[in-house]
Amino acid sequence: MPKMKTHRGAAKRFKITASGKIKRSKAYKSHILTKKSAKRKRQLSQLTIMDKSDSKRIRRLLPYL
């Protein structure tokens, strides 16, 4: 059986925590930032934990992480 390939796009976007949860960054932080408040931009820059229902799909893309 050959080795499975890691989905490189997913590997750049997601990290696995020590307990096995998946960390992701938030969307809407790349452009049109003038109309967004400082508080909103600050909160968008923080990492968040992926929802449990989506985690199974992401784990299939990252077999060795």
C-alpha atoms as a PDB file:
ATOM      1  CA  MET A   1       0.000   0.000   0.000  1.00  0.00           C
ATOM      2  CA  PRO A   2       1.550   3.347  -0.977  1.00  0.00           C
ATOM      3  CA  LYS A   3       1.838   6.237   1.401  1.00  0.00           C
ATOM      4  CA  MET A   4      -1.078   8.656   1.511  1.00  0.00           C
ATOM      5  CA  LYS A   5      -0.405  12.200   0.368  1.00  0.00           C
ATOM      6  CA  THR A   6      -1.054  15.159   2.635  1.00  0.00           C
ATOM      7  CA  HIS A   7      -3.289  17.822   1.104  1.00  0.00           C
ATOM      8  CA  ARG A   8      -0.777  20.683   0.976  1.00  0.00           C
ATOM      9  CA  GLY A   9      -3.427  23.419   0.874  1.00  0.00           C
ATOM     10  CA  ALA A  10      -5.001  22.078   4.060  1.00  0.00           C
ATOM     11  CA  ALA A  11      -1.611  21.614   5.729  1.00  0.00           C
ATOM     12  CA  LYS A  12      -0.911  25.343   5.314  1.00  0.00           C
ATOM     13  CA  ARG A  13      -4.279  26.367   6.751  1.00  0.00           C
ATOM     14  CA  PHE A  14      -4.812  24.023   9.714  1.00  0.00           C
ATOM     15  CA  LYS A  15      -2.763  22.897  12.718  1.00  0.00           C
ATOM     16  CA  ILE A  16      -3.471  19.993  15.076  1.00  0.00           C
ATOM     17  CA  THR A  17      -3.360  20.663  18.826  1.00  0.00           C
ATOM     18  CA  ALA A  18      -1.853  18.220  21.321  1.00  0.00           C
ATOM     19  CA  SER A  19      -5.342  17.013  22.288  1.00  0.00           C
ATOM     20  CA  GLY A  20      -6.218  16.354  18.632  1.00  0.00           C
ATOM     21  CA  LYS A  21      -8.408  19.361  17.952  1.00  0.00           C
ATOM     22  CA  ILE A  22      -7.916  21.422  14.784  1.00  0.00           C
ATOM     23  CA  LYS A  23      -6.952  25.101  14.921  1.00  0.00           C
ATOM     24  CA  ARG A  24      -7.856  27.459  12.101  1.00  0.00           C
ATOM     25  CA  SER A  25      -7.609  31.161  11.390  1.00  0.00           C
ATOM     26  CA  LYS A  26     -10.683  33.306  10.848  1.00  0.00           C
ATOM     27  CA  ALA A  27     -11.869  34.711   7.535  1.00  0.00           C
ATOM     28  CA  TYR A  28     -12.524  38.347   6.463  1.00  0.00           C
ATOM     29  CA  LYS A  29      -9.135  39.721   7.569  1.00  0.00           C
ATOM     30  CA  SER A  30      -7.488  40.199   4.164  1.00  0.00           C
ATOM     31  CA  HIS A  31      -8.978  43.364   2.623  1.00  0.00           C
ATOM     32  CA  ILE A  32     -11.630  46.100   3.038  1.00  0.00           C
ATOM     33  CA  LEU A  33     -10.396  46.658   6.589  1.00  0.00           C
ATOM     34  CA  THR A  34     -11.230  50.379   6.844  1.00  0.00           C
ATOM     35  CA  LYS A  35     -14.904  49.813   7.611  1.00  0.00           C
ATOM     36  CA  LYS A  36     -14.192  47.169  10.255  1.00  0.00           C
ATOM     37  CA  SER A  37     -13.706  48.266  13.841  1.00  0.00           C
ATOM     38  CA  ALA A  38     -10.396  47.773  15.642  1.00  0.00           C
ATOM     39  CA  LYS A  39     -12.041  45.306  18.035  1.00  0.00           C
ATOM     40  CA  ARG A  40     -13.387  43.242  15.150  1.00  0.00           C
ATOM     41  CA  LYS A  41     -10.017  43.154  13.359  1.00  0.00           C
ATOM     42  CA  ARG A  42      -8.257  42.195  16.587  1.00  0.00           C
ATOM     43  CA  GLN A  43     -10.656  39.304  17.172  1.00  0.00           C
ATOM     44  CA  LEU A  44     -10.340  38.128  13.558  1.00  0.00           C
ATOM     45  CA  SER A  45      -6.586  37.741  13.960  1.00  0.00           C
ATOM     46  CA  GLN A  46      -6.961  35.151  16.744  1.00  0.00           C
ATOM     47  CA  LEU A  47      -7.002  31.430  16.039  1.00  0.00           C
ATOM     48  CA  THR A  48     -10.104  29.393  16.800  1.00  0.00           C
ATOM     49  CA  ILE A  49     -10.931  25.705  17.206  1.00  0.00           C
ATOM     50  CA  MET A  50     -12.580  23.976  14.263  1.00  0.00           C
ATOM     51  CA  ASP A  51     -16.127  22.736  14.809  1.00  0.00           C
ATOM     52  CA  LYS A  52     -16.306  19.026  15.600  1.00  0.00           C
ATOM     53  CA  SER A  53     -18.594  18.314  12.623  1.00  0.00           C
ATOM     54  CA  ASP A  54     -16.005  19.704  10.151  1.00  0.00           C
ATOM     55  CA  SER A  55     -12.971  18.168  11.859  1.00  0.00           C
ATOM     56  CA  LYS A  56     -13.502  14.702  10.384  1.00  0.00           C
ATOM     57  CA  ARG A  57     -13.252  16.031   6.806  1.00  0.00           C
ATOM     58  CA  ILE A  58     -10.077  17.957   7.598  1.00  0.00           C
ATOM     59  CA  ARG A  59      -8.451  14.947   9.331  1.00  0.00           C
ATOM     60  CA  ARG A  60      -8.803  12.954   6.094  1.00  0.00           C
ATOM     61  CA  LEU A  61      -6.787  15.623   4.272  1.00  0.00           C
ATOM     62  CA  LEU A  62      -4.035  15.545   6.947  1.00  0.00           C
ATOM     63  CA  PRO A  63      -3.261  11.850   7.518  1.00  0.00           C
ATOM     64  CA  TYR A  64       0.157  12.321   9.171  1.00  0.00           C
ATOM     65  CA  LEU A  65      -0.269  15.543  11.162  1.00  0.00           C
END
